[in-house]
């Protein structure tokens, strides 16, 4: 029979490996969920959201922030600055996690991290979604071409300079082709806006 201290050690070890620990993760190691309460009370774990925990002082990486949002809002698609950072197309560190949701959606209520939501409809929402599995969590993120087009669509929110940097980097790093970006530009209805910039790079 496992002692309380054995359960504590196994849970803390799991939290160290995973970064963000879900209450349901304890089932896999046979630890009762009361261990989370005990560890939180003694300051060995901190709660970062409903049913989500991490080691205290563990500064969550951007990917851990995305995991937290994906667990709480599985229909969210990471976009704009968060997608740019994921694809390594910006030097900016976004202060919020940017997500796209279908029109009419409510912003997910999270204690952490702060979330910025934009609403898309139809093809503008459904095009270019790629799913990346990390620590058993499915992260839905717009691909590079769609992200670049979205940046021009929302240039008033993130800045035209950021959109231009993303376009140049996407092409120079060969992470997206002109044709892929042009197709997404038409879907996002920014083809006329983007044409001169695409021509100048070409």
N, C-alpha and C. Protein backbone atom coordinates (compact mmCIF):
# COMPACT_ATOMS: atom_id res chain seq x y z
N UNK A 1 0.84 -1.20 0.00
CA UNK A 1 0.00 0.00 0.00
C UNK A 1 0.88 1.25 0.00
N UNK A 2 0.54 2.19 -0.89
CA UNK A 2 1.37 3.40 -1.00
C UNK A 2 1.08 4.37 0.14
N UNK A 3 2.14 4.99 0.65
CA UNK A 3 1.97 5.98 1.70
C UNK A 3 1.65 7.34 1.08
N UNK A 4 1.21 8.28 1.95
CA UNK A 4 0.91 9.64 1.47
C UNK A 4 2.14 10.28 0.87
N UNK A 5 3.30 10.04 1.48
CA UNK A 5 4.51 10.69 0.95
C UNK A 5 4.91 10.11 -0.41
N UNK A 6 4.63 8.81 -0.62
CA UNK A 6 4.90 8.21 -1.94
C UNK A 6 4.01 8.85 -3.00
N UNK A 7 2.72 9.00 -2.67
CA UNK A 7 1.79 9.66 -3.60
C UNK A 7 2.27 11.08 -3.90
N UNK A 8 2.67 11.79 -2.84
CA UNK A 8 3.15 13.17 -3.03
C UNK A 8 4.31 13.22 -4.02
N UNK A 9 5.29 12.33 -3.80
CA UNK A 9 6.48 12.33 -4.67
C UNK A 9 6.12 12.00 -6.11
N UNK A 10 5.22 11.04 -6.30
CA UNK A 10 4.84 10.65 -7.67
C UNK A 10 4.10 11.78 -8.38
N UNK A 11 3.25 12.47 -7.63
CA UNK A 11 2.49 13.59 -8.23
C UNK A 11 3.43 14.75 -8.55
N UNK A 12 4.34 15.06 -7.65
CA UNK A 12 5.29 16.16 -7.89
C UNK A 12 6.21 15.85 -9.06
N UNK A 13 6.62 14.58 -9.16
CA UNK A 13 7.47 14.17 -10.28
C UNK A 13 6.71 14.31 -11.60
N UNK A 14 5.44 13.91 -11.60
CA UNK A 14 4.61 14.04 -12.81
C UNK A 14 4.44 15.50 -13.19
N UNK A 15 4.21 16.36 -12.18
CA UNK A 15 4.05 17.79 -12.45
C UNK A 15 5.32 18.37 -13.05
N UNK A 16 6.48 17.90 -12.58
CA UNK A 16 7.76 18.38 -13.12
C UNK A 16 7.94 17.99 -14.58
N UNK A 17 7.47 16.79 -14.93
CA UNK A 17 7.61 16.32 -16.31
C UNK A 17 6.61 16.98 -17.26
N UNK A 18 5.39 17.14 -16.78
CA UNK A 18 4.32 17.61 -17.68
C UNK A 18 4.21 19.14 -17.75
N UNK A 19 4.65 19.83 -16.70
CA UNK A 19 4.49 21.29 -16.68
C UNK A 19 3.12 21.65 -16.13
N UNK A 20 2.09 21.39 -16.91
CA UNK A 20 0.71 21.60 -16.45
C UNK A 20 0.12 20.24 -16.12
N UNK A 21 -0.38 20.12 -14.89
CA UNK A 21 -0.92 18.85 -14.41
C UNK A 21 -2.44 18.96 -14.31
N UNK A 22 -3.13 18.01 -14.93
CA UNK A 22 -4.60 17.95 -14.81
C UNK A 22 -4.97 16.99 -13.69
N UNK A 23 -6.08 17.25 -13.02
CA UNK A 23 -6.54 16.35 -11.96
C UNK A 23 -6.67 14.93 -12.49
N UNK A 24 -7.14 14.80 -13.73
CA UNK A 24 -7.34 13.46 -14.31
C UNK A 24 -6.02 12.72 -14.55
N UNK A 25 -4.89 13.45 -14.60
CA UNK A 25 -3.59 12.80 -14.81
C UNK A 25 -3.22 11.88 -13.64
N UNK A 26 -3.82 12.13 -12.47
CA UNK A 26 -3.48 11.31 -11.30
C UNK A 26 -3.99 9.88 -11.44
N UNK A 27 -5.04 9.69 -12.25
CA UNK A 27 -5.59 8.34 -12.42
C UNK A 27 -4.54 7.39 -12.98
N UNK A 28 -3.70 7.91 -13.88
CA UNK A 28 -2.70 7.06 -14.55
C UNK A 28 -1.64 6.54 -13.58
N UNK A 29 -1.41 7.27 -12.48
CA UNK A 29 -0.39 6.82 -11.53
C UNK A 29 -1.02 6.30 -10.24
N UNK A 30 -2.35 6.15 -10.26
CA UNK A 30 -3.05 5.56 -9.11
C UNK A 30 -3.01 6.40 -7.85
N UNK A 31 -2.95 7.73 -8.01
CA UNK A 31 -2.92 8.62 -6.85
C UNK A 31 -4.30 9.25 -6.65
N UNK A 32 -4.79 9.30 -5.41
CA UNK A 32 -6.09 9.93 -5.16
C UNK A 32 -6.00 11.44 -5.36
N UNK A 33 -7.11 12.04 -5.80
CA UNK A 33 -7.08 13.48 -6.11
C UNK A 33 -6.91 14.37 -4.89
N UNK A 34 -7.18 13.81 -3.71
CA UNK A 34 -6.99 14.59 -2.48
C UNK A 34 -5.52 15.01 -2.33
N UNK A 35 -4.62 14.28 -3.01
CA UNK A 35 -3.18 14.63 -2.96
C UNK A 35 -2.98 16.04 -3.50
N UNK A 36 -3.75 16.42 -4.53
CA UNK A 36 -3.61 17.77 -5.10
C UNK A 36 -3.93 18.83 -4.06
N UNK A 37 -5.01 18.61 -3.32
CA UNK A 37 -5.40 19.56 -2.26
C UNK A 37 -4.31 19.67 -1.21
N UNK A 38 -3.78 18.49 -0.84
CA UNK A 38 -2.73 18.46 0.20
C UNK A 38 -1.49 19.21 -0.27
N UNK A 39 -1.07 18.95 -1.49
CA UNK A 39 0.14 19.60 -2.02
C UNK A 39 -0.06 21.10 -2.21
N UNK A 40 -1.27 21.46 -2.58
CA UNK A 40 -1.56 22.90 -2.75
C UNK A 40 -1.55 23.60 -1.39
N UNK A 41 -2.15 22.97 -0.39
CA UNK A 41 -2.21 23.55 0.96
C UNK A 41 -0.81 23.76 1.53
N UNK A 42 0.08 22.81 1.25
CA UNK A 42 1.45 22.92 1.78
C UNK A 42 2.37 23.75 0.89
N UNK A 43 1.82 24.27 -0.22
CA UNK A 43 2.60 25.15 -1.09
C UNK A 43 3.51 24.44 -2.07
N UNK A 44 3.36 23.11 -2.20
CA UNK A 44 4.22 22.36 -3.12
C UNK A 44 3.67 22.35 -4.55
N UNK A 45 2.39 22.68 -4.70
CA UNK A 45 1.78 22.86 -6.02
C UNK A 45 1.00 24.15 -6.01
N UNK A 46 0.85 24.80 -7.16
CA UNK A 46 -0.03 25.96 -7.25
C UNK A 46 -1.10 25.70 -8.30
N UNK A 47 -2.27 26.24 -8.03
CA UNK A 47 -3.39 26.07 -8.94
C UNK A 47 -3.37 27.20 -9.96
N UNK A 48 -3.44 26.85 -11.26
CA UNK A 48 -3.40 27.88 -12.30
C UNK A 48 -4.72 27.95 -13.07
N UNK A 49 -5.66 27.13 -12.69
CA UNK A 49 -6.97 27.13 -13.34
C UNK A 49 -7.78 26.01 -12.72
N UNK A 50 -9.03 25.92 -13.09
CA UNK A 50 -9.88 24.88 -12.51
C UNK A 50 -9.37 23.50 -12.91
N UNK A 51 -8.93 22.73 -11.91
CA UNK A 51 -8.42 21.39 -12.18
C UNK A 51 -7.03 21.36 -12.82
N UNK A 52 -6.32 22.51 -12.81
CA UNK A 52 -5.00 22.60 -13.43
C UNK A 52 -3.98 23.08 -12.40
N UNK A 53 -2.85 22.39 -12.34
CA UNK A 53 -1.84 22.69 -11.33
C UNK A 53 -0.45 22.68 -11.96
N UNK A 54 0.50 23.36 -11.27
CA UNK A 54 1.90 23.28 -11.69
C UNK A 54 2.78 23.52 -10.47
N UNK A 55 4.06 23.25 -10.62
CA UNK A 55 5.00 23.50 -9.52
C UNK A 55 5.10 25.01 -9.29
N UNK A 56 5.18 25.46 -8.04
CA UNK A 56 5.26 26.90 -7.78
C UNK A 56 6.53 27.50 -8.38
N UNK A 57 6.40 28.71 -8.91
CA UNK A 57 7.56 29.39 -9.49
C UNK A 57 7.94 28.87 -10.85
N UNK A 58 7.22 27.83 -11.34
CA UNK A 58 7.51 27.34 -12.69
C UNK A 58 6.87 28.31 -13.66
N UNK A 59 7.69 29.14 -14.27
CA UNK A 59 7.15 30.10 -15.22
C UNK A 59 6.71 29.34 -16.44
N UNK A 60 5.42 29.33 -16.64
CA UNK A 60 4.88 28.55 -17.74
C UNK A 60 5.42 29.03 -19.08
N UNK A 61 5.86 28.11 -19.89
CA UNK A 61 6.27 28.46 -21.24
C UNK A 61 5.04 28.83 -22.04
N UNK A 62 5.26 29.42 -23.22
CA UNK A 62 4.12 29.75 -24.09
C UNK A 62 3.35 28.49 -24.44
N UNK A 63 4.05 27.38 -24.66
CA UNK A 63 3.35 26.13 -25.00
C UNK A 63 2.49 25.65 -23.84
N UNK A 64 2.96 25.83 -22.61
CA UNK A 64 2.15 25.44 -21.45
C UNK A 64 0.90 26.29 -21.38
N UNK A 65 1.01 27.58 -21.73
CA UNK A 65 -0.16 28.45 -21.76
C UNK A 65 -1.16 27.95 -22.79
N UNK A 66 -0.64 27.53 -23.96
CA UNK A 66 -1.53 27.01 -25.00
C UNK A 66 -2.22 25.73 -24.54
N UNK A 67 -1.47 24.87 -23.84
CA UNK A 67 -2.05 23.63 -23.33
C UNK A 67 -3.20 23.94 -22.38
N UNK A 68 -2.98 24.90 -21.48
CA UNK A 68 -4.00 25.26 -20.50
C UNK A 68 -5.28 25.70 -21.20
N UNK A 69 -5.14 26.55 -22.21
CA UNK A 69 -6.32 27.04 -22.95
C UNK A 69 -6.98 25.90 -23.72
N UNK A 70 -6.17 25.05 -24.34
CA UNK A 70 -6.72 23.95 -25.15
C UNK A 70 -7.52 22.98 -24.29
N UNK A 71 -7.08 22.75 -23.05
CA UNK A 71 -7.80 21.85 -22.15
C UNK A 71 -9.17 22.44 -21.82
N UNK A 72 -9.20 23.75 -21.57
CA UNK A 72 -10.44 24.40 -21.14
C UNK A 72 -11.35 24.78 -22.31
N UNK A 73 -10.76 25.02 -23.48
CA UNK A 73 -11.57 25.44 -24.65
C UNK A 73 -11.10 24.65 -25.87
N UNK A 74 -11.50 23.38 -25.98
CA UNK A 74 -11.01 22.53 -27.06
C UNK A 74 -11.34 23.03 -28.47
N UNK A 75 -12.39 23.86 -28.60
CA UNK A 75 -12.77 24.36 -29.93
C UNK A 75 -11.97 25.59 -30.35
N UNK A 76 -11.15 26.12 -29.44
CA UNK A 76 -10.35 27.30 -29.76
C UNK A 76 -9.23 26.95 -30.75
N UNK A 77 -8.94 27.88 -31.65
CA UNK A 77 -7.82 27.72 -32.59
C UNK A 77 -6.83 28.85 -32.30
N UNK A 78 -5.59 28.51 -32.03
CA UNK A 78 -4.60 29.54 -31.73
C UNK A 78 -4.26 30.31 -33.00
N UNK A 79 -4.23 31.63 -32.89
CA UNK A 79 -4.11 32.48 -34.07
C UNK A 79 -3.23 33.68 -33.79
N UNK A 80 -3.04 34.49 -34.83
CA UNK A 80 -2.36 35.79 -34.73
C UNK A 80 -1.04 35.67 -33.97
N UNK A 81 -0.83 36.48 -32.91
CA UNK A 81 0.49 36.52 -32.26
C UNK A 81 0.88 35.18 -31.65
N UNK A 82 -0.09 34.44 -31.12
CA UNK A 82 0.23 33.13 -30.53
C UNK A 82 0.66 32.14 -31.61
N UNK A 83 -0.02 32.17 -32.76
CA UNK A 83 0.36 31.29 -33.87
C UNK A 83 1.71 31.72 -34.45
N UNK A 84 1.94 33.03 -34.55
CA UNK A 84 3.24 33.51 -35.05
C UNK A 84 4.37 33.01 -34.16
N UNK A 85 4.17 33.10 -32.85
CA UNK A 85 5.22 32.64 -31.95
C UNK A 85 5.42 31.14 -32.07
N UNK A 86 4.32 30.39 -32.18
CA UNK A 86 4.43 28.94 -32.31
C UNK A 86 5.23 28.57 -33.57
N UNK A 87 4.97 29.29 -34.67
CA UNK A 87 5.66 29.01 -35.93
C UNK A 87 7.02 29.71 -36.04
N UNK A 88 7.42 30.39 -34.95
CA UNK A 88 8.71 31.11 -34.90
C UNK A 88 8.81 32.15 -36.01
N UNK A 89 7.75 32.96 -36.12
CA UNK A 89 7.72 34.02 -37.14
C UNK A 89 7.68 35.41 -36.51
N UNK A 90 7.93 35.49 -35.21
CA UNK A 90 7.95 36.80 -34.57
C UNK A 90 8.90 36.76 -33.39
N UNK A 91 9.44 37.92 -33.06
CA UNK A 91 10.30 38.02 -31.89
C UNK A 91 9.49 38.53 -30.69
N UNK A 92 8.22 38.87 -30.94
CA UNK A 92 7.37 39.38 -29.86
C UNK A 92 6.96 38.25 -28.91
N UNK A 93 6.81 38.60 -27.64
CA UNK A 93 6.25 37.67 -26.66
C UNK A 93 4.84 38.17 -26.33
N UNK A 94 3.83 37.53 -26.86
CA UNK A 94 2.47 38.04 -26.61
C UNK A 94 2.11 37.99 -25.12
N UNK A 95 1.46 39.05 -24.65
CA UNK A 95 1.04 39.10 -23.24
C UNK A 95 -0.21 38.27 -23.01
N UNK A 96 -0.91 37.94 -24.10
CA UNK A 96 -2.13 37.15 -24.00
C UNK A 96 -2.04 35.99 -24.99
N UNK A 97 -2.86 34.98 -24.76
CA UNK A 97 -2.98 33.89 -25.72
C UNK A 97 -4.10 34.27 -26.69
N UNK A 98 -3.77 34.34 -27.97
CA UNK A 98 -4.75 34.74 -29.00
C UNK A 98 -5.44 33.49 -29.54
N UNK A 99 -6.77 33.52 -29.49
CA UNK A 99 -7.54 32.39 -30.01
C UNK A 99 -8.64 32.89 -30.95
N UNK A 100 -8.96 32.01 -31.92
CA UNK A 100 -10.11 32.26 -32.80
C UNK A 100 -11.23 31.31 -32.40
N UNK A 101 -12.44 31.84 -32.39
CA UNK A 101 -13.62 31.03 -32.08
C UNK A 101 -14.69 31.36 -33.12
N UNK A 102 -15.64 30.44 -33.33
CA UNK A 102 -16.74 30.75 -34.26
C UNK A 102 -17.54 31.94 -33.77
N UNK A 103 -18.08 32.72 -34.72
CA UNK A 103 -18.87 33.90 -34.35
C UNK A 103 -20.00 33.51 -33.41
N UNK A 104 -20.20 34.33 -32.39
CA UNK A 104 -21.24 34.06 -31.40
C UNK A 104 -20.73 33.34 -30.17
N UNK A 105 -19.43 32.96 -30.18
CA UNK A 105 -18.84 32.26 -29.03
C UNK A 105 -18.56 33.25 -27.90
N UNK A 106 -18.52 32.71 -26.69
CA UNK A 106 -18.12 33.51 -25.53
C UNK A 106 -16.65 33.27 -25.26
N UNK A 107 -15.96 34.29 -24.77
CA UNK A 107 -14.56 34.14 -24.40
C UNK A 107 -14.46 33.14 -23.25
N UNK A 108 -13.59 32.11 -23.37
CA UNK A 108 -13.44 31.14 -22.28
C UNK A 108 -13.05 31.84 -20.98
N UNK A 109 -13.63 31.40 -19.89
CA UNK A 109 -13.32 32.00 -18.58
C UNK A 109 -12.20 31.21 -17.94
N UNK A 110 -11.04 31.86 -17.86
CA UNK A 110 -9.86 31.21 -17.30
C UNK A 110 -9.21 32.13 -16.28
N UNK A 111 -8.73 31.54 -15.18
CA UNK A 111 -7.95 32.33 -14.22
C UNK A 111 -6.59 32.68 -14.82
N UNK A 112 -6.09 31.75 -15.62
CA UNK A 112 -4.75 31.90 -16.22
C UNK A 112 -4.71 30.98 -17.43
N UNK A 113 -4.06 31.38 -18.52
CA UNK A 113 -3.46 32.69 -18.83
C UNK A 113 -4.51 33.65 -19.38
N UNK A 114 -4.16 34.94 -19.51
CA UNK A 114 -5.10 35.88 -20.13
C UNK A 114 -5.30 35.52 -21.61
N UNK A 115 -6.55 35.63 -22.05
CA UNK A 115 -6.92 35.22 -23.40
C UNK A 115 -7.48 36.40 -24.18
N UNK A 116 -7.10 36.51 -25.46
CA UNK A 116 -7.67 37.50 -26.38
C UNK A 116 -8.36 36.74 -27.50
N UNK A 117 -9.66 36.94 -27.63
CA UNK A 117 -10.42 36.17 -28.62
C UNK A 117 -10.83 37.03 -29.81
N UNK A 118 -10.70 36.44 -31.01
CA UNK A 118 -11.27 37.04 -32.22
C UNK A 118 -12.28 36.03 -32.77
N UNK A 119 -13.30 36.53 -33.44
CA UNK A 119 -14.34 35.64 -33.96
C UNK A 119 -14.29 35.59 -35.48
N UNK A 120 -14.30 34.38 -36.03
CA UNK A 120 -14.28 34.16 -37.46
C UNK A 120 -15.54 33.40 -37.87
N UNK A 121 -15.89 33.51 -39.14
CA UNK A 121 -17.04 32.76 -39.63
C UNK A 121 -16.63 31.90 -40.83
N UNK A 122 -17.38 30.83 -41.05
CA UNK A 122 -17.24 30.02 -42.25
C UNK A 122 -15.82 29.56 -42.52
N UNK A 123 -15.41 29.73 -43.80
CA UNK A 123 -14.07 29.29 -44.22
C UNK A 123 -12.96 30.02 -43.49
N UNK A 124 -13.22 31.27 -43.13
CA UNK A 124 -12.18 32.04 -42.43
C UNK A 124 -11.87 31.41 -41.08
N UNK A 125 -12.83 30.68 -40.50
CA UNK A 125 -12.58 29.96 -39.24
C UNK A 125 -12.00 28.57 -39.51
N UNK A 126 -12.54 27.87 -40.49
CA UNK A 126 -12.22 26.44 -40.65
C UNK A 126 -10.97 26.16 -41.49
N UNK A 127 -10.52 27.13 -42.28
CA UNK A 127 -9.36 26.90 -43.17
C UNK A 127 -8.04 26.94 -42.41
N UNK A 128 -7.15 26.01 -42.76
CA UNK A 128 -5.76 26.09 -42.28
C UNK A 128 -5.52 25.64 -40.86
N UNK A 129 -6.47 24.89 -40.28
CA UNK A 129 -6.26 24.42 -38.90
C UNK A 129 -5.37 23.17 -38.92
N UNK A 130 -4.30 23.22 -38.15
CA UNK A 130 -3.47 22.02 -37.98
C UNK A 130 -3.51 21.65 -36.50
N UNK A 131 -3.46 20.36 -36.23
CA UNK A 131 -3.51 19.89 -34.84
C UNK A 131 -2.17 19.31 -34.45
N UNK A 132 -1.63 19.82 -33.35
CA UNK A 132 -0.34 19.36 -32.83
C UNK A 132 -0.59 18.74 -31.46
N UNK A 133 -0.10 17.52 -31.28
CA UNK A 133 -0.28 16.84 -30.00
C UNK A 133 0.89 17.15 -29.10
N UNK A 134 0.60 17.59 -27.88
CA UNK A 134 1.68 17.84 -26.92
C UNK A 134 1.23 17.42 -25.53
N UNK A 135 1.98 16.51 -24.93
CA UNK A 135 1.66 15.99 -23.59
C UNK A 135 0.22 15.49 -23.52
N UNK A 136 -0.25 14.87 -24.59
CA UNK A 136 -1.61 14.33 -24.59
C UNK A 136 -2.69 15.38 -24.81
N UNK A 137 -2.28 16.62 -25.08
CA UNK A 137 -3.25 17.70 -25.33
C UNK A 137 -3.20 18.07 -26.80
N UNK A 138 -4.35 18.14 -27.45
CA UNK A 138 -4.42 18.52 -28.86
C UNK A 138 -4.46 20.05 -28.97
N UNK A 139 -3.44 20.63 -29.60
CA UNK A 139 -3.40 22.08 -29.82
C UNK A 139 -3.83 22.34 -31.26
N UNK A 140 -4.89 23.12 -31.44
CA UNK A 140 -5.36 23.48 -32.78
C UNK A 140 -4.80 24.87 -33.12
N UNK A 141 -3.99 24.92 -34.17
CA UNK A 141 -3.28 26.15 -34.52
C UNK A 141 -3.41 26.39 -36.01
N UNK A 142 -3.62 27.66 -36.40
CA UNK A 142 -3.64 27.96 -37.83
C UNK A 142 -2.25 27.78 -38.42
N UNK A 143 -2.20 27.24 -39.65
CA UNK A 143 -0.91 27.05 -40.31
C UNK A 143 -0.31 28.41 -40.69
N UNK A 144 0.89 28.38 -41.21
CA UNK A 144 1.63 29.62 -41.47
C UNK A 144 0.90 30.52 -42.46
N UNK A 145 0.45 29.96 -43.59
CA UNK A 145 -0.19 30.79 -44.62
C UNK A 145 -1.45 31.47 -44.08
N UNK A 146 -2.26 30.73 -43.34
CA UNK A 146 -3.49 31.30 -42.78
C UNK A 146 -3.16 32.35 -41.72
N UNK A 147 -2.13 32.08 -40.93
CA UNK A 147 -1.74 33.03 -39.89
C UNK A 147 -1.29 34.37 -40.50
N UNK A 148 -0.51 34.29 -41.59
CA UNK A 148 -0.05 35.52 -42.25
C UNK A 148 -1.25 36.32 -42.77
N UNK A 149 -2.19 35.63 -43.42
CA UNK A 149 -3.38 36.33 -43.93
C UNK A 149 -4.19 36.94 -42.79
N UNK A 150 -4.31 36.20 -41.68
CA UNK A 150 -5.04 36.71 -40.51
C UNK A 150 -4.38 37.98 -39.96
N UNK A 151 -3.05 38.01 -40.00
CA UNK A 151 -2.32 39.17 -39.48
C UNK A 151 -2.66 40.43 -40.29
N UNK A 152 -2.81 40.27 -41.61
CA UNK A 152 -3.22 41.41 -42.43
C UNK A 152 -4.68 41.76 -42.17
N UNK A 153 -5.51 40.76 -41.97
CA UNK A 153 -6.93 41.00 -41.68
C UNK A 153 -7.08 41.79 -40.38
N UNK A 154 -6.24 41.47 -39.41
CA UNK A 154 -6.34 42.11 -38.08
C UNK A 154 -5.15 43.03 -37.82
N UNK A 155 -4.65 43.67 -38.90
CA UNK A 155 -3.48 44.54 -38.77
C UNK A 155 -3.74 45.72 -37.83
N UNK A 156 -5.01 46.13 -37.68
CA UNK A 156 -5.30 47.23 -36.76
C UNK A 156 -5.12 46.80 -35.30
N UNK A 157 -5.24 45.48 -35.06
CA UNK A 157 -5.07 44.98 -33.69
C UNK A 157 -3.61 44.70 -33.36
N UNK A 158 -2.86 44.17 -34.34
CA UNK A 158 -1.50 43.72 -34.02
C UNK A 158 -0.42 44.58 -34.68
N UNK A 159 -0.81 45.44 -35.60
CA UNK A 159 0.16 46.32 -36.26
C UNK A 159 0.57 45.80 -37.63
N UNK A 160 0.60 46.72 -38.61
CA UNK A 160 0.98 46.34 -39.97
C UNK A 160 2.43 45.85 -40.03
N UNK A 161 3.29 46.43 -39.19
CA UNK A 161 4.70 46.03 -39.20
C UNK A 161 4.85 44.55 -38.80
N UNK A 162 4.02 44.10 -37.86
CA UNK A 162 4.05 42.70 -37.45
C UNK A 162 3.59 41.80 -38.59
N UNK A 163 2.54 42.23 -39.30
CA UNK A 163 2.03 41.45 -40.44
C UNK A 163 3.08 41.36 -41.55
N UNK A 164 3.75 42.47 -41.82
CA UNK A 164 4.79 42.47 -42.86
C UNK A 164 5.98 41.59 -42.49
N UNK A 165 6.38 41.66 -41.23
CA UNK A 165 7.48 40.82 -40.74
C UNK A 165 7.11 39.34 -40.91
N UNK A 166 5.87 39.01 -40.57
CA UNK A 166 5.41 37.62 -40.69
C UNK A 166 5.42 37.17 -42.14
N UNK A 167 4.97 38.03 -43.03
CA UNK A 167 4.93 37.70 -44.46
C UNK A 167 6.35 37.46 -44.99
N UNK A 168 7.25 38.38 -44.70
CA UNK A 168 8.64 38.25 -45.18
C UNK A 168 9.30 36.97 -44.62
N UNK A 169 9.11 36.74 -43.31
CA UNK A 169 9.75 35.58 -42.68
C UNK A 169 9.16 34.26 -43.19
N UNK A 170 7.86 34.25 -43.42
CA UNK A 170 7.21 33.02 -43.91
C UNK A 170 7.75 32.63 -45.27
N UNK A 171 7.93 33.65 -46.14
CA UNK A 171 8.45 33.38 -47.49
C UNK A 171 9.94 33.03 -47.46
N UNK A 172 10.72 33.82 -46.72
CA UNK A 172 12.17 33.60 -46.73
C UNK A 172 12.56 32.27 -46.07
N UNK A 173 11.77 31.86 -45.07
CA UNK A 173 12.07 30.59 -44.39
C UNK A 173 11.43 29.39 -45.08
N UNK A 174 10.67 29.70 -46.17
CA UNK A 174 9.97 28.66 -46.94
C UNK A 174 8.96 27.88 -46.08
N UNK A 175 8.40 28.56 -45.08
CA UNK A 175 7.38 27.91 -44.26
C UNK A 175 6.00 27.98 -44.92
N UNK A 176 5.88 28.85 -45.93
CA UNK A 176 4.64 28.93 -46.72
C UNK A 176 5.01 29.45 -48.10
N UNK A 177 4.24 29.06 -49.11
CA UNK A 177 4.49 29.52 -50.48
C UNK A 177 3.60 30.72 -50.79
N UNK A 178 3.95 31.44 -51.87
CA UNK A 178 3.10 32.54 -52.33
C UNK A 178 1.68 32.05 -52.58
N UNK A 179 1.58 30.90 -53.26
CA UNK A 179 0.24 30.38 -53.61
C UNK A 179 -0.59 30.07 -52.38
N UNK A 180 0.03 29.48 -51.37
CA UNK A 180 -0.70 29.16 -50.13
C UNK A 180 -1.18 30.43 -49.44
N UNK A 181 -0.29 31.42 -49.38
CA UNK A 181 -0.65 32.68 -48.72
C UNK A 181 -1.74 33.40 -49.52
N UNK A 182 -1.61 33.39 -50.86
CA UNK A 182 -2.60 34.07 -51.72
C UNK A 182 -3.99 33.44 -51.56
N UNK A 183 -4.03 32.10 -51.48
CA UNK A 183 -5.31 31.40 -51.30
C UNK A 183 -5.96 31.83 -49.97
N UNK A 184 -5.16 31.89 -48.91
CA UNK A 184 -5.69 32.30 -47.60
C UNK A 184 -6.08 33.78 -47.60
N UNK A 185 -5.32 34.59 -48.34
CA UNK A 185 -5.65 36.02 -48.44
C UNK A 185 -7.04 36.21 -49.04
N UNK A 186 -7.36 35.39 -50.05
CA UNK A 186 -8.69 35.49 -50.68
C UNK A 186 -9.79 35.02 -49.72
N UNK A 187 -9.52 33.95 -48.99
CA UNK A 187 -10.51 33.44 -48.03
C UNK A 187 -10.75 34.48 -46.92
N UNK A 188 -9.69 35.15 -46.50
CA UNK A 188 -9.80 36.15 -45.43
C UNK A 188 -10.20 37.53 -45.96
N UNK A 189 -10.38 37.62 -47.28
CA UNK A 189 -10.80 38.87 -47.94
C UNK A 189 -9.82 40.01 -47.72
N UNK A 190 -8.53 39.68 -47.83
CA UNK A 190 -7.49 40.71 -47.74
C UNK A 190 -6.56 40.65 -48.95
N UNK A 191 -7.03 40.03 -50.04
CA UNK A 191 -6.18 39.89 -51.23
C UNK A 191 -5.75 41.24 -51.76
N UNK A 192 -6.67 42.20 -51.83
CA UNK A 192 -6.32 43.53 -52.36
C UNK A 192 -5.32 44.24 -51.46
N UNK A 193 -5.47 44.04 -50.15
CA UNK A 193 -4.54 44.66 -49.19
C UNK A 193 -3.15 44.06 -49.34
N UNK A 194 -3.10 42.73 -49.52
CA UNK A 194 -1.81 42.04 -49.51
C UNK A 194 -1.10 42.05 -50.86
N UNK A 195 -1.85 42.25 -51.95
CA UNK A 195 -1.24 42.14 -53.29
C UNK A 195 0.04 42.96 -53.44
N UNK A 196 0.04 44.27 -53.13
CA UNK A 196 1.27 45.04 -53.33
C UNK A 196 2.47 44.52 -52.52
N UNK A 197 2.20 44.02 -51.32
CA UNK A 197 3.30 43.51 -50.48
C UNK A 197 3.83 42.20 -51.05
N UNK A 198 2.94 41.34 -51.51
CA UNK A 198 3.37 40.09 -52.13
C UNK A 198 4.18 40.36 -53.40
N UNK A 199 3.70 41.35 -54.18
CA UNK A 199 4.42 41.68 -55.42
C UNK A 199 5.79 42.25 -55.13
N UNK A 200 5.89 43.06 -54.07
CA UNK A 200 7.18 43.68 -53.77
C UNK A 200 8.20 42.63 -53.29
N UNK A 201 7.71 41.60 -52.58
CA UNK A 201 8.61 40.54 -52.13
C UNK A 201 8.99 39.66 -53.31
N UNK A 202 7.98 39.40 -54.18
CA UNK A 202 8.23 38.52 -55.35
C UNK A 202 9.21 39.15 -56.30
